[in-house]
Amino acid sequence: MGGVGYLLDTHVFIWAAHDEYKISDTVKKVISEKPSSVHVSAVTAYEIMNKYRLGKLPEYSYLAENYFEVFREFGAGELLVSTQHTHFAGKFDWSHRDPFDRLLAAQAFTENLVLITNDSAFDSLPWLDVLW
């Protein structure tokens, strides 16, 4: 992959698929101009389905029930979870305990991707490149 690559945080993928008005103009530009360099983690599928099952995302039933179709139409690359990702996610020192965020941060870092997120929790990780 030449150039800069990007990894979407789960909320960014949800918004890009359903509520584009919530995304910054900078992020909209990256997604539209560089779709081949944008990735969605397998973690995102798990997070969406888990939260939907728990009743936390009722307004996104279409996305949850048609995830693969929406993902395919979105056109991003799929980033699978590796042992390297899980090892790093478990070991780095960060007081934030959300396992989804830990995995996304670890994936972005180990794959040299910029994490696209509006979540300020990632601001405390000086080694992580973030864009909003």
N, C-alpha and C. Protein backbone atom coordinates (compact mmCIF):
# COMPACT_ATOMS: atom_id res chain seq x y z
N MET A 1 0.85 -1.18 0.00
CA MET A 1 0.00 0.00 0.00
C MET A 1 0.89 1.23 0.00
N GLY A 2 0.80 2.03 -1.04
CA GLY A 2 1.60 3.24 -1.09
C GLY A 2 0.90 4.39 -0.40
N GLY A 3 1.67 5.28 0.20
CA GLY A 3 1.09 6.45 0.85
C GLY A 3 0.52 6.15 2.21
N VAL A 4 -0.25 7.10 2.69
CA VAL A 4 -0.85 6.99 4.02
C VAL A 4 -2.09 6.09 3.95
N GLY A 5 -2.22 5.24 4.97
CA GLY A 5 -3.41 4.41 5.09
C GLY A 5 -4.20 4.83 6.31
N TYR A 6 -5.47 4.50 6.33
CA TYR A 6 -6.37 4.94 7.39
C TYR A 6 -7.19 3.77 7.92
N LEU A 7 -7.50 3.83 9.22
CA LEU A 7 -8.38 2.87 9.85
C LEU A 7 -9.53 3.64 10.49
N LEU A 8 -10.75 3.26 10.17
CA LEU A 8 -11.91 3.95 10.72
C LEU A 8 -12.27 3.38 12.08
N ASP A 9 -12.48 4.26 13.05
CA ASP A 9 -13.04 3.86 14.32
C ASP A 9 -14.48 3.43 14.03
N THR A 10 -15.03 2.61 14.89
CA THR A 10 -16.37 2.06 14.65
C THR A 10 -17.42 3.15 14.44
N HIS A 11 -17.41 4.17 15.28
CA HIS A 11 -18.43 5.21 15.12
C HIS A 11 -18.29 5.94 13.79
N VAL A 12 -17.09 6.05 13.27
CA VAL A 12 -16.89 6.72 11.99
C VAL A 12 -17.48 5.87 10.85
N PHE A 13 -17.27 4.56 10.92
CA PHE A 13 -17.88 3.69 9.91
C PHE A 13 -19.40 3.77 9.97
N ILE A 14 -19.95 3.74 11.18
CA ILE A 14 -21.40 3.84 11.35
C ILE A 14 -21.90 5.15 10.75
N TRP A 15 -21.25 6.25 11.09
CA TRP A 15 -21.67 7.55 10.58
C TRP A 15 -21.50 7.64 9.07
N ALA A 16 -20.40 7.11 8.56
CA ALA A 16 -20.16 7.16 7.11
C ALA A 16 -21.24 6.37 6.36
N ALA A 17 -21.70 5.29 6.97
CA ALA A 17 -22.72 4.45 6.33
C ALA A 17 -24.14 4.96 6.54
N HIS A 18 -24.35 5.76 7.60
CA HIS A 18 -25.73 6.10 7.97
C HIS A 18 -25.95 7.59 8.24
N ASP A 19 -25.00 8.26 8.85
CA ASP A 19 -25.17 9.66 9.28
C ASP A 19 -23.97 10.51 8.85
N GLU A 20 -23.77 10.62 7.54
CA GLU A 20 -22.57 11.28 7.03
C GLU A 20 -22.40 12.71 7.53
N TYR A 21 -23.49 13.37 7.85
CA TYR A 21 -23.41 14.75 8.33
C TYR A 21 -22.63 14.89 9.64
N LYS A 22 -22.44 13.78 10.36
CA LYS A 22 -21.69 13.81 11.62
C LYS A 22 -20.18 13.75 11.42
N ILE A 23 -19.74 13.53 10.20
CA ILE A 23 -18.31 13.36 9.92
C ILE A 23 -17.71 14.70 9.51
N SER A 24 -16.49 14.95 9.96
CA SER A 24 -15.80 16.19 9.60
C SER A 24 -15.54 16.26 8.09
N ASP A 25 -15.40 17.45 7.58
CA ASP A 25 -15.11 17.63 6.16
C ASP A 25 -13.79 16.98 5.78
N THR A 26 -12.82 17.04 6.67
CA THR A 26 -11.51 16.41 6.41
C THR A 26 -11.67 14.92 6.21
N VAL A 27 -12.44 14.28 7.06
CA VAL A 27 -12.65 12.83 6.96
C VAL A 27 -13.45 12.49 5.71
N LYS A 28 -14.47 13.27 5.40
CA LYS A 28 -15.25 13.03 4.18
C LYS A 28 -14.34 13.06 2.96
N LYS A 29 -13.41 14.00 2.96
CA LYS A 29 -12.49 14.13 1.83
C LYS A 29 -11.60 12.90 1.71
N VAL A 30 -11.05 12.44 2.82
CA VAL A 30 -10.19 11.24 2.81
C VAL A 30 -10.97 10.04 2.29
N ILE A 31 -12.16 9.84 2.82
CA ILE A 31 -12.97 8.68 2.43
C ILE A 31 -13.33 8.74 0.95
N SER A 32 -13.66 9.91 0.44
CA SER A 32 -14.07 10.01 -0.96
C SER A 32 -12.90 10.01 -1.94
N GLU A 33 -11.77 10.59 -1.54
CA GLU A 33 -10.64 10.71 -2.46
C GLU A 33 -9.66 9.54 -2.39
N LYS A 34 -9.65 8.82 -1.28
CA LYS A 34 -8.67 7.74 -1.11
C LYS A 34 -9.33 6.46 -0.59
N PRO A 35 -10.40 6.01 -1.23
CA PRO A 35 -11.11 4.84 -0.69
C PRO A 35 -10.24 3.58 -0.59
N SER A 36 -9.28 3.42 -1.47
CA SER A 36 -8.44 2.21 -1.43
C SER A 36 -7.47 2.23 -0.25
N SER A 37 -7.27 3.37 0.38
CA SER A 37 -6.36 3.44 1.52
C SER A 37 -7.11 3.45 2.85
N VAL A 38 -8.44 3.29 2.79
CA VAL A 38 -9.28 3.29 4.00
C VAL A 38 -9.62 1.85 4.37
N HIS A 39 -9.48 1.54 5.66
CA HIS A 39 -9.74 0.20 6.16
C HIS A 39 -10.78 0.21 7.28
N VAL A 40 -11.52 -0.87 7.36
CA VAL A 40 -12.46 -1.11 8.45
C VAL A 40 -12.03 -2.42 9.10
N SER A 41 -11.89 -2.38 10.40
CA SER A 41 -11.43 -3.56 11.14
C SER A 41 -12.54 -4.58 11.34
N ALA A 42 -12.16 -5.84 11.42
CA ALA A 42 -13.10 -6.89 11.82
C ALA A 42 -13.64 -6.59 13.21
N VAL A 43 -12.88 -5.86 14.01
CA VAL A 43 -13.32 -5.44 15.34
C VAL A 43 -14.61 -4.62 15.24
N THR A 44 -14.72 -3.82 14.20
CA THR A 44 -15.90 -2.98 14.01
C THR A 44 -17.15 -3.82 13.81
N ALA A 45 -17.06 -4.88 13.02
CA ALA A 45 -18.21 -5.77 12.84
C ALA A 45 -18.64 -6.35 14.18
N TYR A 46 -17.69 -6.79 14.96
CA TYR A 46 -17.99 -7.37 16.27
C TYR A 46 -18.60 -6.32 17.20
N GLU A 47 -18.02 -5.13 17.23
CA GLU A 47 -18.53 -4.08 18.11
C GLU A 47 -19.96 -3.69 17.73
N ILE A 48 -20.21 -3.51 16.45
CA ILE A 48 -21.56 -3.14 16.00
C ILE A 48 -22.56 -4.22 16.38
N MET A 49 -22.25 -5.47 16.07
CA MET A 49 -23.18 -6.55 16.34
C MET A 49 -23.38 -6.77 17.84
N ASN A 50 -22.32 -6.66 18.61
CA ASN A 50 -22.41 -6.84 20.05
C ASN A 50 -23.29 -5.75 20.67
N LYS A 51 -23.04 -4.51 20.29
CA LYS A 51 -23.82 -3.40 20.85
C LYS A 51 -25.28 -3.44 20.35
N TYR A 52 -25.48 -3.85 19.12
CA TYR A 52 -26.84 -3.97 18.59
C TYR A 52 -27.60 -5.07 19.35
N ARG A 53 -26.96 -6.20 19.56
CA ARG A 53 -27.56 -7.31 20.30
C ARG A 53 -27.94 -6.89 21.72
N LEU A 54 -27.13 -6.02 22.32
CA LEU A 54 -27.38 -5.54 23.68
C LEU A 54 -28.40 -4.40 23.73
N GLY A 55 -28.88 -3.98 22.56
CA GLY A 55 -29.89 -2.92 22.50
C GLY A 55 -29.32 -1.52 22.54
N LYS A 56 -28.00 -1.38 22.32
CA LYS A 56 -27.36 -0.07 22.40
C LYS A 56 -27.36 0.70 21.07
N LEU A 57 -27.69 0.03 19.97
CA LEU A 57 -27.71 0.70 18.67
C LEU A 57 -29.01 0.42 17.91
N PRO A 58 -30.15 0.61 18.55
CA PRO A 58 -31.40 0.26 17.86
C PRO A 58 -31.65 1.06 16.58
N GLU A 59 -31.14 2.27 16.53
CA GLU A 59 -31.36 3.12 15.35
C GLU A 59 -30.54 2.67 14.14
N TYR A 60 -29.63 1.72 14.35
CA TYR A 60 -28.79 1.24 13.26
C TYR A 60 -29.11 -0.22 12.92
N SER A 61 -30.38 -0.57 13.00
CA SER A 61 -30.78 -1.96 12.72
C SER A 61 -30.45 -2.35 11.28
N TYR A 62 -30.65 -1.44 10.32
CA TYR A 62 -30.34 -1.78 8.93
C TYR A 62 -28.86 -2.13 8.78
N LEU A 63 -27.99 -1.33 9.37
CA LEU A 63 -26.56 -1.59 9.29
C LEU A 63 -26.21 -2.93 9.93
N ALA A 64 -26.75 -3.17 11.11
CA ALA A 64 -26.45 -4.42 11.82
C ALA A 64 -26.95 -5.63 11.04
N GLU A 65 -28.14 -5.57 10.54
CA GLU A 65 -28.74 -6.71 9.86
C GLU A 65 -28.22 -6.91 8.44
N ASN A 66 -27.60 -5.88 7.87
CA ASN A 66 -27.08 -5.95 6.49
C ASN A 66 -25.61 -5.55 6.45
N TYR A 67 -24.87 -5.89 7.50
CA TYR A 67 -23.50 -5.42 7.65
C TYR A 67 -22.64 -5.72 6.41
N PHE A 68 -22.67 -6.95 5.92
CA PHE A 68 -21.78 -7.32 4.82
C PHE A 68 -22.10 -6.56 3.54
N GLU A 69 -23.36 -6.35 3.28
CA GLU A 69 -23.77 -5.58 2.10
C GLU A 69 -23.31 -4.12 2.23
N VAL A 70 -23.52 -3.52 3.40
CA VAL A 70 -23.12 -2.13 3.62
C VAL A 70 -21.59 -2.01 3.52
N PHE A 71 -20.89 -2.95 4.14
CA PHE A 71 -19.43 -2.93 4.08
C PHE A 71 -18.94 -3.03 2.64
N ARG A 72 -19.49 -3.95 1.88
CA ARG A 72 -19.09 -4.14 0.48
C ARG A 72 -19.34 -2.87 -0.33
N GLU A 73 -20.52 -2.27 -0.15
CA GLU A 73 -20.85 -1.04 -0.87
C GLU A 73 -19.97 0.13 -0.46
N PHE A 74 -19.56 0.14 0.79
CA PHE A 74 -18.71 1.22 1.29
C PHE A 74 -17.37 1.22 0.56
N GLY A 75 -16.83 0.05 0.27
CA GLY A 75 -15.63 -0.06 -0.54
C GLY A 75 -14.31 0.02 0.18
N ALA A 76 -14.30 -0.02 1.50
CA ALA A 76 -13.05 0.01 2.26
C ALA A 76 -12.42 -1.38 2.29
N GLY A 77 -11.15 -1.41 2.63
CA GLY A 77 -10.47 -2.69 2.82
C GLY A 77 -10.81 -3.26 4.18
N GLU A 78 -10.79 -4.57 4.28
CA GLU A 78 -11.05 -5.23 5.56
C GLU A 78 -9.73 -5.49 6.26
N LEU A 79 -9.65 -5.12 7.52
CA LEU A 79 -8.46 -5.39 8.32
C LEU A 79 -8.79 -6.47 9.34
N LEU A 80 -8.24 -7.65 9.12
CA LEU A 80 -8.47 -8.76 10.03
C LEU A 80 -7.64 -8.58 11.30
N VAL A 81 -8.02 -9.27 12.34
CA VAL A 81 -7.32 -9.19 13.63
C VAL A 81 -6.27 -10.28 13.68
N SER A 82 -5.03 -9.89 14.01
CA SER A 82 -3.93 -10.85 14.10
C SER A 82 -3.48 -11.02 15.55
N THR A 83 -2.67 -12.02 15.75
CA THR A 83 -2.08 -12.24 17.07
C THR A 83 -1.22 -11.05 17.47
N GLN A 84 -0.52 -10.46 16.52
CA GLN A 84 0.29 -9.28 16.81
C GLN A 84 -0.60 -8.15 17.34
N HIS A 85 -1.75 -7.96 16.73
CA HIS A 85 -2.67 -6.90 17.18
C HIS A 85 -3.15 -7.17 18.60
N THR A 86 -3.58 -8.39 18.87
CA THR A 86 -4.13 -8.71 20.19
C THR A 86 -3.06 -8.67 21.26
N HIS A 87 -1.86 -9.09 20.92
CA HIS A 87 -0.75 -9.06 21.87
C HIS A 87 -0.44 -7.62 22.27
N PHE A 88 -0.32 -6.75 21.27
CA PHE A 88 -0.01 -5.35 21.55
C PHE A 88 -1.16 -4.69 22.31
N ALA A 89 -2.41 -4.99 21.93
CA ALA A 89 -3.57 -4.39 22.61
C ALA A 89 -3.60 -4.76 24.08
N GLY A 90 -3.17 -5.97 24.39
CA GLY A 90 -3.18 -6.41 25.78
C GLY A 90 -2.05 -5.88 26.61
N LYS A 91 -0.96 -5.48 25.96
CA LYS A 91 0.22 -5.10 26.74
C LYS A 91 0.47 -3.60 26.88
N PHE A 92 -0.02 -2.77 25.97
CA PHE A 92 0.36 -1.36 26.09
C PHE A 92 -0.36 -0.70 27.26
N ASP A 93 0.35 0.24 27.87
CA ASP A 93 -0.13 0.90 29.08
C ASP A 93 -1.09 2.03 28.70
N TRP A 94 -2.36 1.84 29.05
CA TRP A 94 -3.39 2.83 28.75
C TRP A 94 -4.51 2.60 29.75
N SER A 95 -4.91 3.63 30.43
CA SER A 95 -5.94 3.48 31.46
C SER A 95 -7.33 3.20 30.85
N HIS A 96 -7.50 3.50 29.59
CA HIS A 96 -8.76 3.26 28.89
C HIS A 96 -8.94 1.74 28.74
N ARG A 97 -10.06 1.22 29.22
CA ARG A 97 -10.22 -0.23 29.28
C ARG A 97 -11.10 -0.82 28.18
N ASP A 98 -11.70 0.00 27.35
CA ASP A 98 -12.59 -0.50 26.30
C ASP A 98 -11.81 -1.43 25.36
N PRO A 99 -12.17 -2.71 25.30
CA PRO A 99 -11.41 -3.65 24.48
C PRO A 99 -11.47 -3.35 22.99
N PHE A 100 -12.57 -2.78 22.52
CA PHE A 100 -12.68 -2.43 21.10
C PHE A 100 -11.69 -1.32 20.76
N ASP A 101 -11.65 -0.29 21.60
CA ASP A 101 -10.72 0.82 21.36
C ASP A 101 -9.28 0.36 21.46
N ARG A 102 -8.98 -0.51 22.42
CA ARG A 102 -7.62 -1.01 22.57
C ARG A 102 -7.18 -1.76 21.31
N LEU A 103 -8.07 -2.59 20.77
CA LEU A 103 -7.73 -3.34 19.56
C LEU A 103 -7.57 -2.42 18.35
N LEU A 104 -8.46 -1.44 18.21
CA LEU A 104 -8.34 -0.52 17.08
C LEU A 104 -7.05 0.29 17.16
N ALA A 105 -6.69 0.75 18.35
CA ALA A 105 -5.43 1.49 18.52
C ALA A 105 -4.25 0.60 18.18
N ALA A 106 -4.28 -0.63 18.65
CA ALA A 106 -3.18 -1.57 18.37
C ALA A 106 -3.08 -1.88 16.88
N GLN A 107 -4.20 -2.06 16.23
CA GLN A 107 -4.18 -2.32 14.79
C GLN A 107 -3.62 -1.13 14.02
N ALA A 108 -4.12 0.05 14.34
CA ALA A 108 -3.64 1.25 13.63
C ALA A 108 -2.13 1.39 13.81
N PHE A 109 -1.66 1.21 15.04
CA PHE A 109 -0.23 1.39 15.29
C PHE A 109 0.61 0.32 14.60
N THR A 110 0.26 -0.95 14.77
CA THR A 110 1.09 -2.02 14.21
C THR A 110 1.05 -2.05 12.69
N GLU A 111 -0.05 -1.56 12.10
CA GLU A 111 -0.17 -1.55 10.64
C GLU A 111 0.23 -0.21 10.04
N ASN A 112 0.70 0.72 10.89
CA ASN A 112 1.13 2.04 10.44
C ASN A 112 0.00 2.78 9.72
N LEU A 113 -1.18 2.75 10.33
CA LEU A 113 -2.35 3.43 9.79
C LEU A 113 -2.73 4.60 10.69
N VAL A 114 -3.33 5.62 10.11
CA VAL A 114 -3.87 6.74 10.86
C VAL A 114 -5.28 6.35 11.29
N LEU A 115 -5.56 6.46 12.58
CA LEU A 115 -6.89 6.14 13.09
C LEU A 115 -7.79 7.35 12.91
N ILE A 116 -8.88 7.16 12.19
CA ILE A 116 -9.86 8.23 12.01
C ILE A 116 -10.91 8.07 13.10
N THR A 117 -10.95 9.05 14.00
CA THR A 117 -11.84 8.97 15.14
C THR A 117 -12.18 10.36 15.67
N ASN A 118 -13.33 10.44 16.31
CA ASN A 118 -13.74 11.66 17.00
C ASN A 118 -13.71 11.42 18.51
N ASP A 119 -13.10 10.34 18.93
CA ASP A 119 -13.04 9.93 20.33
C ASP A 119 -11.78 10.50 20.98
N SER A 120 -11.94 11.41 21.91
CA SER A 120 -10.80 12.06 22.57
C SER A 120 -10.01 11.11 23.46
N ALA A 121 -10.53 9.92 23.74
CA ALA A 121 -9.79 8.95 24.56
C ALA A 121 -8.45 8.59 23.92
N PHE A 122 -8.39 8.65 22.60
CA PHE A 122 -7.16 8.30 21.89
C PHE A 122 -6.09 9.40 21.97
N ASP A 123 -6.48 10.59 22.40
CA ASP A 123 -5.53 11.70 22.50
C ASP A 123 -4.41 11.43 23.48
N SER A 124 -4.62 10.53 24.41
CA SER A 124 -3.59 10.24 25.42
C SER A 124 -2.54 9.25 24.92
N LEU A 125 -2.63 8.84 23.67
CA LEU A 125 -1.66 7.90 23.09
C LEU A 125 -0.75 8.67 22.12
N PRO A 126 0.39 9.16 22.60
CA PRO A 126 1.25 9.98 21.75
C PRO A 126 1.85 9.24 20.56
N TRP A 127 1.87 7.93 20.61
CA TRP A 127 2.44 7.12 19.54
C TRP A 127 1.44 6.79 18.44
N LEU A 128 0.20 7.23 18.61
CA LEU A 128 -0.86 6.90 17.65
C LEU A 128 -1.19 8.13 16.82
N ASP A 129 -1.18 7.97 15.50
CA ASP A 129 -1.59 9.04 14.59
C ASP A 129 -3.10 9.02 14.46
N VAL A 130 -3.73 10.16 14.75
CA VAL A 130 -5.18 10.28 14.73
C VAL A 130 -5.59 11.43 13.81
N LEU A 131 -6.71 11.24 13.13
CA LEU A 131 -7.25 12.28 12.26
C LEU A 131 -8.73 12.47 12.57
N TRP A 132 -9.17 13.71 12.62
CA TRP A 132 -10.59 14.02 12.64
C TRP A 132 -10.81 15.27 11.83
